[in-house]
Amino acid sequence: MAINEKFSEQLNHQVNAEHQAALIYTQLAYELDQLSLVGMRDWMFAQAAEEREHAQKFADHLLDRGERVLLKEIDVPELKVGSALEAFEHALSHERKVSEMIRELVRTADEVGDIDSRSVLNWFLSEQIEEEASVEEIIERIKLVGNDGAGLLRIDGELGQRDPE
């Protein structure tokens, strides 16, 4: 069940990218905490936990196929946000980047004939559609309420109800 070397390297890179996403969501949570938007902060913390689970799914796939998982230094861009909208726009931008990385994994798997990875990759393709749609919806709701503090606090309260699991 060996994996093509190029594809194995890409999968390892994706493990690191998912950990980077978790750190980005954690930073966004800290930024939202500074804005006293604790529901949105908690949503971001839950998202960070989900990204760590994604990293583990990729790592498990590599390990199950007899490959080594190699963590590398993870660069986290400096993020300073002044509003909830800005925080979620950063999140959406990063999700779009991750989506393209997953699509590139699919292209490589097809190129090297790695059909054993398709079930994992198909799960991630569906997951990324859901991730982007979720963040896009939050952005549209924030835009809808604009500068209405009560509306923003209502969204904050709703997002804070997200199950951290």
N, C-alpha and C. Protein backbone atom coordinates (compact mmCIF):
# COMPACT_ATOMS: atom_id res chain seq x y z
N MET A 1 0.82 -1.20 0.00
CA MET A 1 0.00 0.00 0.00
C MET A 1 0.86 1.26 0.00
N ALA A 2 2.03 1.18 -0.51
CA ALA A 2 2.92 2.34 -0.53
C ALA A 2 2.30 3.47 -1.34
N ILE A 3 2.64 4.67 -0.95
CA ILE A 3 2.14 5.87 -1.62
C ILE A 3 3.26 6.45 -2.46
N ASN A 4 2.91 6.94 -3.62
CA ASN A 4 3.85 7.64 -4.48
C ASN A 4 4.55 8.73 -3.66
N GLU A 5 5.86 8.87 -3.85
CA GLU A 5 6.66 9.80 -3.05
C GLU A 5 6.16 11.25 -3.14
N LYS A 6 5.87 11.70 -4.34
CA LYS A 6 5.36 13.07 -4.52
C LYS A 6 4.05 13.27 -3.76
N PHE A 7 3.16 12.29 -3.87
CA PHE A 7 1.86 12.38 -3.21
C PHE A 7 2.02 12.31 -1.69
N SER A 8 2.92 11.46 -1.22
CA SER A 8 3.18 11.37 0.21
C SER A 8 3.66 12.70 0.77
N GLU A 9 4.53 13.36 0.03
CA GLU A 9 5.02 14.68 0.46
C GLU A 9 3.88 15.69 0.52
N GLN A 10 2.99 15.63 -0.47
CA GLN A 10 1.84 16.55 -0.48
C GLN A 10 0.92 16.27 0.70
N LEU A 11 0.70 15.01 1.01
CA LEU A 11 -0.16 14.67 2.15
C LEU A 11 0.48 15.16 3.46
N ASN A 12 1.79 14.99 3.57
CA ASN A 12 2.48 15.50 4.76
C ASN A 12 2.35 17.02 4.84
N HIS A 13 2.48 17.67 3.71
CA HIS A 13 2.31 19.12 3.67
C HIS A 13 0.90 19.51 4.13
N GLN A 14 -0.08 18.70 3.75
CA GLN A 14 -1.46 18.99 4.14
C GLN A 14 -1.66 18.82 5.64
N VAL A 15 -1.00 17.85 6.24
CA VAL A 15 -1.06 17.69 7.71
C VAL A 15 -0.61 19.00 8.35
N ASN A 16 0.50 19.52 7.88
CA ASN A 16 1.02 20.78 8.43
C ASN A 16 0.07 21.95 8.13
N ALA A 17 -0.52 21.96 6.94
CA ALA A 17 -1.44 23.04 6.57
C ALA A 17 -2.68 23.04 7.46
N GLU A 18 -3.14 21.86 7.83
CA GLU A 18 -4.32 21.77 8.71
C GLU A 18 -3.97 22.27 10.12
N HIS A 19 -2.76 21.97 10.56
CA HIS A 19 -2.32 22.52 11.86
C HIS A 19 -2.18 24.04 11.77
N GLN A 20 -1.70 24.53 10.63
CA GLN A 20 -1.61 25.98 10.44
C GLN A 20 -3.01 26.60 10.50
N ALA A 21 -3.98 25.96 9.88
CA ALA A 21 -5.36 26.47 9.91
C ALA A 21 -5.87 26.53 11.34
N ALA A 22 -5.53 25.52 12.14
CA ALA A 22 -5.95 25.52 13.55
C ALA A 22 -5.35 26.72 14.28
N LEU A 23 -4.10 27.01 14.00
CA LEU A 23 -3.44 28.15 14.65
C LEU A 23 -4.03 29.48 14.17
N ILE A 24 -4.38 29.55 12.90
CA ILE A 24 -5.00 30.78 12.38
C ILE A 24 -6.36 31.00 13.05
N TYR A 25 -7.16 29.95 13.17
CA TYR A 25 -8.44 30.07 13.86
C TYR A 25 -8.25 30.44 15.33
N THR A 26 -7.21 29.91 15.95
CA THR A 26 -6.93 30.26 17.34
C THR A 26 -6.58 31.74 17.45
N GLN A 27 -5.76 32.24 16.54
CA GLN A 27 -5.42 33.67 16.56
C GLN A 27 -6.67 34.52 16.33
N LEU A 28 -7.52 34.11 15.40
CA LEU A 28 -8.75 34.86 15.17
C LEU A 28 -9.64 34.84 16.41
N ALA A 29 -9.64 33.75 17.14
CA ALA A 29 -10.39 33.68 18.40
C ALA A 29 -9.86 34.71 19.39
N TYR A 30 -8.55 34.79 19.50
CA TYR A 30 -7.95 35.78 20.40
C TYR A 30 -8.33 37.20 19.97
N GLU A 31 -8.33 37.45 18.67
CA GLU A 31 -8.69 38.78 18.17
C GLU A 31 -10.15 39.10 18.49
N LEU A 32 -11.03 38.13 18.33
CA LEU A 32 -12.44 38.36 18.64
C LEU A 32 -12.66 38.54 20.13
N ASP A 33 -11.86 37.87 20.93
CA ASP A 33 -11.94 38.07 22.38
C ASP A 33 -11.62 39.52 22.72
N GLN A 34 -10.61 40.08 22.03
CA GLN A 34 -10.24 41.49 22.24
C GLN A 34 -11.40 42.42 21.90
N LEU A 35 -12.27 41.99 20.99
CA LEU A 35 -13.43 42.79 20.59
C LEU A 35 -14.66 42.49 21.45
N SER A 36 -14.47 41.66 22.48
CA SER A 36 -15.56 41.26 23.40
C SER A 36 -16.67 40.49 22.70
N LEU A 37 -16.32 39.77 21.66
CA LEU A 37 -17.28 38.93 20.94
C LEU A 37 -16.98 37.48 21.29
N VAL A 38 -17.38 37.10 22.49
CA VAL A 38 -16.98 35.81 23.04
C VAL A 38 -17.68 34.62 22.37
N GLY A 39 -18.86 34.84 21.82
CA GLY A 39 -19.52 33.75 21.09
C GLY A 39 -18.76 33.43 19.82
N MET A 40 -18.36 34.48 19.11
CA MET A 40 -17.57 34.29 17.90
C MET A 40 -16.20 33.71 18.23
N ARG A 41 -15.65 34.15 19.36
CA ARG A 41 -14.37 33.59 19.83
C ARG A 41 -14.51 32.08 20.01
N ASP A 42 -15.57 31.68 20.68
CA ASP A 42 -15.77 30.25 20.94
C ASP A 42 -16.00 29.47 19.64
N TRP A 43 -16.68 30.09 18.67
CA TRP A 43 -16.88 29.46 17.37
C TRP A 43 -15.52 29.21 16.72
N MET A 44 -14.64 30.21 16.79
CA MET A 44 -13.30 30.07 16.21
C MET A 44 -12.48 28.99 16.93
N PHE A 45 -12.62 28.93 18.26
CA PHE A 45 -11.91 27.87 18.99
C PHE A 45 -12.41 26.50 18.57
N ALA A 46 -13.73 26.36 18.37
CA ALA A 46 -14.29 25.08 17.92
C ALA A 46 -13.78 24.75 16.52
N GLN A 47 -13.67 25.77 15.68
CA GLN A 47 -13.15 25.56 14.34
C GLN A 47 -11.69 25.12 14.38
N ALA A 48 -10.92 25.70 15.29
CA ALA A 48 -9.52 25.30 15.45
C ALA A 48 -9.42 23.82 15.82
N ALA A 49 -10.29 23.38 16.72
CA ALA A 49 -10.30 21.97 17.11
C ALA A 49 -10.64 21.08 15.92
N GLU A 50 -11.57 21.53 15.09
CA GLU A 50 -11.94 20.76 13.90
C GLU A 50 -10.77 20.66 12.93
N GLU A 51 -10.00 21.73 12.80
CA GLU A 51 -8.84 21.70 11.90
C GLU A 51 -7.78 20.71 12.40
N ARG A 52 -7.62 20.63 13.72
CA ARG A 52 -6.68 19.64 14.27
C ARG A 52 -7.17 18.22 13.96
N GLU A 53 -8.49 18.01 13.99
CA GLU A 53 -9.05 16.70 13.62
C GLU A 53 -8.76 16.40 12.15
N HIS A 54 -8.85 17.43 11.31
CA HIS A 54 -8.54 17.23 9.90
C HIS A 54 -7.07 16.83 9.72
N ALA A 55 -6.19 17.48 10.45
CA ALA A 55 -4.77 17.12 10.38
C ALA A 55 -4.58 15.65 10.76
N GLN A 56 -5.31 15.22 11.80
CA GLN A 56 -5.18 13.85 12.25
C GLN A 56 -5.71 12.87 11.21
N LYS A 57 -6.78 13.22 10.50
CA LYS A 57 -7.31 12.34 9.45
C LYS A 57 -6.26 12.11 8.36
N PHE A 58 -5.59 13.18 7.96
CA PHE A 58 -4.54 13.02 6.96
C PHE A 58 -3.38 12.20 7.53
N ALA A 59 -2.99 12.48 8.77
CA ALA A 59 -1.89 11.75 9.38
C ALA A 59 -2.24 10.26 9.50
N ASP A 60 -3.47 9.97 9.92
CA ASP A 60 -3.89 8.57 10.04
C ASP A 60 -3.84 7.86 8.70
N HIS A 61 -4.23 8.55 7.64
CA HIS A 61 -4.19 7.95 6.31
C HIS A 61 -2.75 7.61 5.92
N LEU A 62 -1.85 8.53 6.19
CA LEU A 62 -0.44 8.26 5.90
C LEU A 62 0.07 7.07 6.73
N LEU A 63 -0.22 7.08 8.01
CA LEU A 63 0.26 6.02 8.89
C LEU A 63 -0.34 4.66 8.52
N ASP A 64 -1.64 4.66 8.20
CA ASP A 64 -2.30 3.41 7.81
C ASP A 64 -1.69 2.81 6.55
N ARG A 65 -1.06 3.64 5.75
CA ARG A 65 -0.46 3.18 4.50
C ARG A 65 1.05 3.00 4.64
N GLY A 66 1.53 2.99 5.88
CA GLY A 66 2.94 2.70 6.13
C GLY A 66 3.88 3.86 5.89
N GLU A 67 3.34 5.06 5.83
CA GLU A 67 4.16 6.25 5.58
C GLU A 67 4.47 6.97 6.89
N ARG A 68 5.49 7.77 6.84
CA ARG A 68 5.91 8.57 8.00
C ARG A 68 5.22 9.93 7.95
N VAL A 69 4.78 10.40 9.10
CA VAL A 69 4.22 11.75 9.21
C VAL A 69 5.34 12.64 9.73
N LEU A 70 5.56 13.72 9.02
CA LEU A 70 6.66 14.61 9.38
C LEU A 70 6.14 16.03 9.57
N LEU A 71 6.09 16.46 10.82
CA LEU A 71 5.68 17.83 11.11
C LEU A 71 6.86 18.76 10.89
N LYS A 72 6.56 19.91 10.35
CA LYS A 72 7.59 20.91 10.07
C LYS A 72 7.22 22.20 10.78
N GLU A 73 8.09 23.17 10.66
CA GLU A 73 7.81 24.48 11.23
C GLU A 73 6.56 25.05 10.55
N ILE A 74 5.68 25.60 11.36
CA ILE A 74 4.42 26.13 10.84
C ILE A 74 4.44 27.65 10.98
N ASP A 75 4.29 28.31 9.85
CA ASP A 75 4.26 29.76 9.81
C ASP A 75 2.82 30.24 9.99
N VAL A 76 2.61 31.14 10.92
CA VAL A 76 1.29 31.72 11.14
C VAL A 76 1.37 33.19 10.79
N PRO A 77 0.58 33.61 9.81
CA PRO A 77 0.63 35.02 9.43
C PRO A 77 0.15 35.91 10.58
N GLU A 78 0.68 37.10 10.65
CA GLU A 78 0.23 38.03 11.69
C GLU A 78 -1.16 38.51 11.31
N LEU A 79 -2.09 38.30 12.21
CA LEU A 79 -3.48 38.69 11.97
C LEU A 79 -3.91 39.67 13.05
N LYS A 80 -4.33 40.82 12.64
CA LYS A 80 -4.91 41.78 13.56
C LYS A 80 -6.20 42.24 12.91
N VAL A 81 -7.29 42.04 13.62
CA VAL A 81 -8.58 42.39 13.04
C VAL A 81 -9.27 43.45 13.89
N GLY A 82 -10.03 44.28 13.21
CA GLY A 82 -10.73 45.36 13.90
C GLY A 82 -12.22 45.15 13.97
N SER A 83 -12.70 44.05 13.36
CA SER A 83 -14.14 43.80 13.37
C SER A 83 -14.42 42.32 13.18
N ALA A 84 -15.64 41.94 13.50
CA ALA A 84 -16.06 40.55 13.28
C ALA A 84 -16.01 40.22 11.80
N LEU A 85 -16.46 41.15 10.97
CA LEU A 85 -16.46 40.94 9.53
C LEU A 85 -15.05 40.63 9.04
N GLU A 86 -14.10 41.40 9.48
CA GLU A 86 -12.71 41.20 9.07
C GLU A 86 -12.20 39.83 9.51
N ALA A 87 -12.55 39.41 10.70
CA ALA A 87 -12.11 38.10 11.20
C ALA A 87 -12.65 36.98 10.32
N PHE A 88 -13.93 37.06 9.99
CA PHE A 88 -14.52 35.99 9.19
C PHE A 88 -14.08 36.05 7.73
N GLU A 89 -13.75 37.23 7.25
CA GLU A 89 -13.19 37.33 5.90
C GLU A 89 -11.81 36.68 5.85
N HIS A 90 -11.02 36.83 6.91
CA HIS A 90 -9.74 36.11 6.98
C HIS A 90 -9.98 34.60 6.97
N ALA A 91 -10.97 34.17 7.76
CA ALA A 91 -11.29 32.74 7.83
C ALA A 91 -11.69 32.21 6.46
N LEU A 92 -12.54 32.94 5.75
CA LEU A 92 -12.99 32.49 4.43
C LEU A 92 -11.82 32.43 3.45
N SER A 93 -10.98 33.41 3.48
CA SER A 93 -9.82 33.42 2.59
C SER A 93 -8.96 32.19 2.83
N HIS A 94 -8.76 31.86 4.09
CA HIS A 94 -7.93 30.69 4.40
C HIS A 94 -8.64 29.40 3.98
N GLU A 95 -9.95 29.31 4.21
CA GLU A 95 -10.68 28.11 3.79
C GLU A 95 -10.59 27.91 2.29
N ARG A 96 -10.66 29.00 1.53
CA ARG A 96 -10.54 28.89 0.07
C ARG A 96 -9.15 28.38 -0.32
N LYS A 97 -8.13 28.81 0.40
CA LYS A 97 -6.77 28.34 0.14
C LYS A 97 -6.69 26.83 0.41
N VAL A 98 -7.26 26.40 1.54
CA VAL A 98 -7.23 24.98 1.89
C VAL A 98 -8.02 24.16 0.87
N SER A 99 -9.15 24.70 0.41
CA SER A 99 -9.95 23.99 -0.60
C SER A 99 -9.13 23.73 -1.85
N GLU A 100 -8.38 24.72 -2.28
CA GLU A 100 -7.56 24.54 -3.47
C GLU A 100 -6.45 23.51 -3.21
N MET A 101 -5.92 23.48 -2.01
CA MET A 101 -4.90 22.48 -1.67
C MET A 101 -5.50 21.08 -1.76
N ILE A 102 -6.73 20.91 -1.29
CA ILE A 102 -7.39 19.60 -1.35
C ILE A 102 -7.62 19.21 -2.82
N ARG A 103 -8.08 20.16 -3.62
CA ARG A 103 -8.27 19.86 -5.05
C ARG A 103 -6.95 19.45 -5.70
N GLU A 104 -5.87 20.08 -5.31
CA GLU A 104 -4.56 19.72 -5.86
C GLU A 104 -4.16 18.31 -5.42
N LEU A 105 -4.51 17.93 -4.20
CA LEU A 105 -4.25 16.56 -3.76
C LEU A 105 -5.02 15.57 -4.63
N VAL A 106 -6.27 15.91 -4.96
CA VAL A 106 -7.07 15.03 -5.82
C VAL A 106 -6.42 14.91 -7.19
N ARG A 107 -5.98 16.03 -7.73
CA ARG A 107 -5.32 16.00 -9.05
C ARG A 107 -4.08 15.08 -9.02
N THR A 108 -3.30 15.23 -7.97
CA THR A 108 -2.08 14.40 -7.88
C THR A 108 -2.44 12.93 -7.68
N ALA A 109 -3.41 12.65 -6.83
CA ALA A 109 -3.83 11.25 -6.63
C ALA A 109 -4.27 10.63 -7.95
N ASP A 110 -5.01 11.39 -8.75
CA ASP A 110 -5.44 10.90 -10.06
C ASP A 110 -4.23 10.69 -10.98
N GLU A 111 -3.31 11.65 -10.94
CA GLU A 111 -2.12 11.59 -11.79
C GLU A 111 -1.28 10.34 -11.51
N VAL A 112 -1.13 10.00 -10.22
CA VAL A 112 -0.28 8.87 -9.85
C VAL A 112 -1.08 7.57 -9.68
N GLY A 113 -2.39 7.64 -9.91
CA GLY A 113 -3.22 6.44 -9.83
C GLY A 113 -3.46 5.93 -8.42
N ASP A 114 -3.50 6.83 -7.45
CA ASP A 114 -3.71 6.43 -6.05
C ASP A 114 -5.20 6.42 -5.72
N ILE A 115 -5.87 5.34 -6.14
CA ILE A 115 -7.31 5.25 -5.88
C ILE A 115 -7.62 4.94 -4.42
N ASP A 116 -6.63 4.45 -3.67
CA ASP A 116 -6.85 4.14 -2.26
C ASP A 116 -7.06 5.40 -1.41
N SER A 117 -6.67 6.54 -1.93
CA SER A 117 -6.84 7.79 -1.18
C SER A 117 -8.15 8.49 -1.52
N ARG A 118 -8.87 8.00 -2.50
CA ARG A 118 -10.06 8.71 -2.97
C ARG A 118 -11.13 8.90 -1.89
N SER A 119 -11.37 7.90 -1.06
CA SER A 119 -12.44 8.05 -0.06
C SER A 119 -12.10 9.18 0.92
N VAL A 120 -10.85 9.26 1.33
CA VAL A 120 -10.42 10.33 2.23
C VAL A 120 -10.51 11.68 1.53
N LEU A 121 -10.03 11.74 0.31
CA LEU A 121 -10.03 13.01 -0.42
C LEU A 121 -11.45 13.46 -0.75
N ASN A 122 -12.32 12.52 -1.10
CA ASN A 122 -13.72 12.89 -1.38
C ASN A 122 -14.39 13.45 -0.13
N TRP A 123 -14.09 12.87 1.02
CA TRP A 123 -14.64 13.40 2.28
C TRP A 123 -14.19 14.85 2.46
N PHE A 124 -12.92 15.11 2.21
CA PHE A 124 -12.39 16.46 2.39
C PHE A 124 -12.96 17.44 1.35
N LEU A 125 -13.20 16.98 0.13
CA LEU A 125 -13.82 17.86 -0.87
C LEU A 125 -15.19 18.32 -0.38
N SER A 126 -15.98 17.39 0.12
CA SER A 126 -17.31 17.73 0.65
C SER A 126 -17.20 18.62 1.87
N GLU A 127 -16.27 18.32 2.73
CA GLU A 127 -16.07 19.10 3.95
C GLU A 127 -15.72 20.55 3.63
N GLN A 128 -14.88 20.75 2.64
CA GLN A 128 -14.48 22.12 2.29
C GLN A 128 -15.64 22.92 1.70
N ILE A 129 -16.50 22.28 0.94
CA ILE A 129 -17.69 22.97 0.45
C ILE A 129 -18.52 23.45 1.64
N GLU A 130 -18.69 22.58 2.62
CA GLU A 130 -19.44 22.92 3.83
C GLU A 130 -18.75 24.03 4.62
N GLU A 131 -17.43 23.95 4.74
CA GLU A 131 -16.68 24.95 5.51
C GLU A 131 -16.83 26.34 4.89
N GLU A 132 -16.62 26.41 3.58
CA GLU A 132 -16.73 27.71 2.91
C GLU A 132 -18.16 28.26 3.01
N ALA A 133 -19.15 27.42 2.81
CA ALA A 133 -20.54 27.87 2.86
C ALA A 133 -20.89 28.39 4.25
N SER A 134 -20.41 27.72 5.27
CA SER A 134 -20.69 28.13 6.65
C SER A 134 -20.12 29.51 6.94
N VAL A 135 -18.87 29.73 6.57
CA VAL A 135 -18.24 31.02 6.83
C VAL A 135 -18.87 32.11 5.95
N GLU A 136 -19.19 31.78 4.70
CA GLU A 136 -19.84 32.75 3.82
C GLU A 136 -21.19 33.20 4.41
N GLU A 137 -21.94 32.27 4.97
CA GLU A 137 -23.22 32.60 5.58
C GLU A 137 -23.04 33.55 6.76
N ILE A 138 -22.04 33.29 7.58
CA ILE A 138 -21.77 34.17 8.72
C ILE A 138 -21.40 35.58 8.22
N ILE A 139 -20.57 35.63 7.20
CA ILE A 139 -20.18 36.94 6.63
C ILE A 139 -21.41 37.69 6.13
N GLU A 140 -22.29 37.01 5.41
CA GLU A 140 -23.49 37.66 4.89
C GLU A 140 -24.39 38.15 6.02
N ARG A 141 -24.50 37.40 7.09
CA ARG A 141 -25.31 37.83 8.23
C ARG A 141 -24.70 39.04 8.92
N ILE A 142 -23.37 39.04 9.05
CA ILE A 142 -22.69 40.19 9.66
C ILE A 142 -22.89 41.43 8.79
N LYS A 143 -22.78 41.26 7.49
CA LYS A 143 -22.99 42.38 6.58
C LYS A 143 -24.44 42.88 6.66
N LEU A 144 -25.36 41.95 6.82
CA LEU A 144 -26.77 42.30 6.89
C LEU A 144 -27.07 43.21 8.09
N VAL A 145 -26.45 42.92 9.24
CA VAL A 145 -26.71 43.75 10.43
C VAL A 145 -25.86 45.01 10.43
N GLY A 146 -24.78 45.01 9.65
CA GLY A 146 -23.96 46.22 9.55
C GLY A 146 -23.49 46.71 10.90
N ASN A 147 -23.75 47.97 11.18
CA ASN A 147 -23.30 48.60 12.42
C ASN A 147 -24.30 48.47 13.56
N ASP A 148 -25.31 47.64 13.38
CA ASP A 148 -26.30 47.44 14.44
C ASP A 148 -25.71 46.54 15.53
N GLY A 149 -25.36 47.16 16.65
CA GLY A 149 -24.73 46.42 17.74
C GLY A 149 -25.58 45.28 18.26
N ALA A 150 -26.89 45.51 18.36
CA ALA A 150 -27.78 44.45 18.85
C ALA A 150 -27.78 43.26 17.89
N GLY A 151 -27.78 43.54 16.60
CA GLY A 151 -27.74 42.46 15.61
C GLY A 151 -26.45 41.67 15.68
N LEU A 152 -25.34 42.38 15.83
CA LEU A 152 -24.05 41.72 15.93
C LEU A 152 -23.98 40.85 17.19
N LEU A 153 -24.53 41.37 18.29
CA LEU A 153 -24.53 40.59 19.53
C LEU A 153 -25.44 39.37 19.42
N ARG A 154 -26.51 39.47 18.63
CA ARG A 154 -27.38 38.31 18.43
C ARG A 154 -26.61 37.22 17.67
N ILE A 155 -25.90 37.61 16.61
CA ILE A 155 -25.08 36.65 15.86
C ILE A 155 -24.00 36.06 16.76
N ASP A 156 -23.39 36.92 17.57
CA ASP A 156 -22.35 36.46 18.50
C ASP A 156 -22.92 35.40 19.44
N GLY A 157 -24.10 35.65 19.97
CA GLY A 157 -24.73 34.68 20.88
C GLY A 157 -25.04 33.36 20.19
N GLU A 158 -25.53 33.45 18.97
CA GLU A 158 -25.86 32.23 18.21
C GLU A 158 -24.60 31.41 17.92
N LEU A 159 -23.54 32.09 17.50
CA LEU A 159 -22.31 31.37 17.18
C LEU A 159 -21.67 30.76 18.42
N GLY A 160 -21.89 31.39 19.56
CA GLY A 160 -21.35 30.87 20.81
C GLY A 160 -22.02 29.58 21.25
N GLN A 161 -23.14 29.24 20.65
CA GLN A 161 -23.85 28.01 21.01
C GLN A 161 -23.34 26.78 20.26
N ARG A 162 -22.37 26.99 19.38
CA ARG A 162 -21.82 25.89 18.61
C ARG A 162 -21.20 24.86 19.55
N ASP A 163 -21.51 23.61 19.31
CA ASP A 163 -20.95 22.53 20.10
C ASP A 163 -19.44 22.43 19.80
N PRO A 164 -18.59 22.56 20.83
CA PRO A 164 -17.14 22.53 20.59
C PRO A 164 -16.67 21.17 20.05
N GLU A 165 -17.47 20.16 20.12
CA GLU A 165 -17.08 18.85 19.59
C GLU A 165 -17.47 18.81 18.14
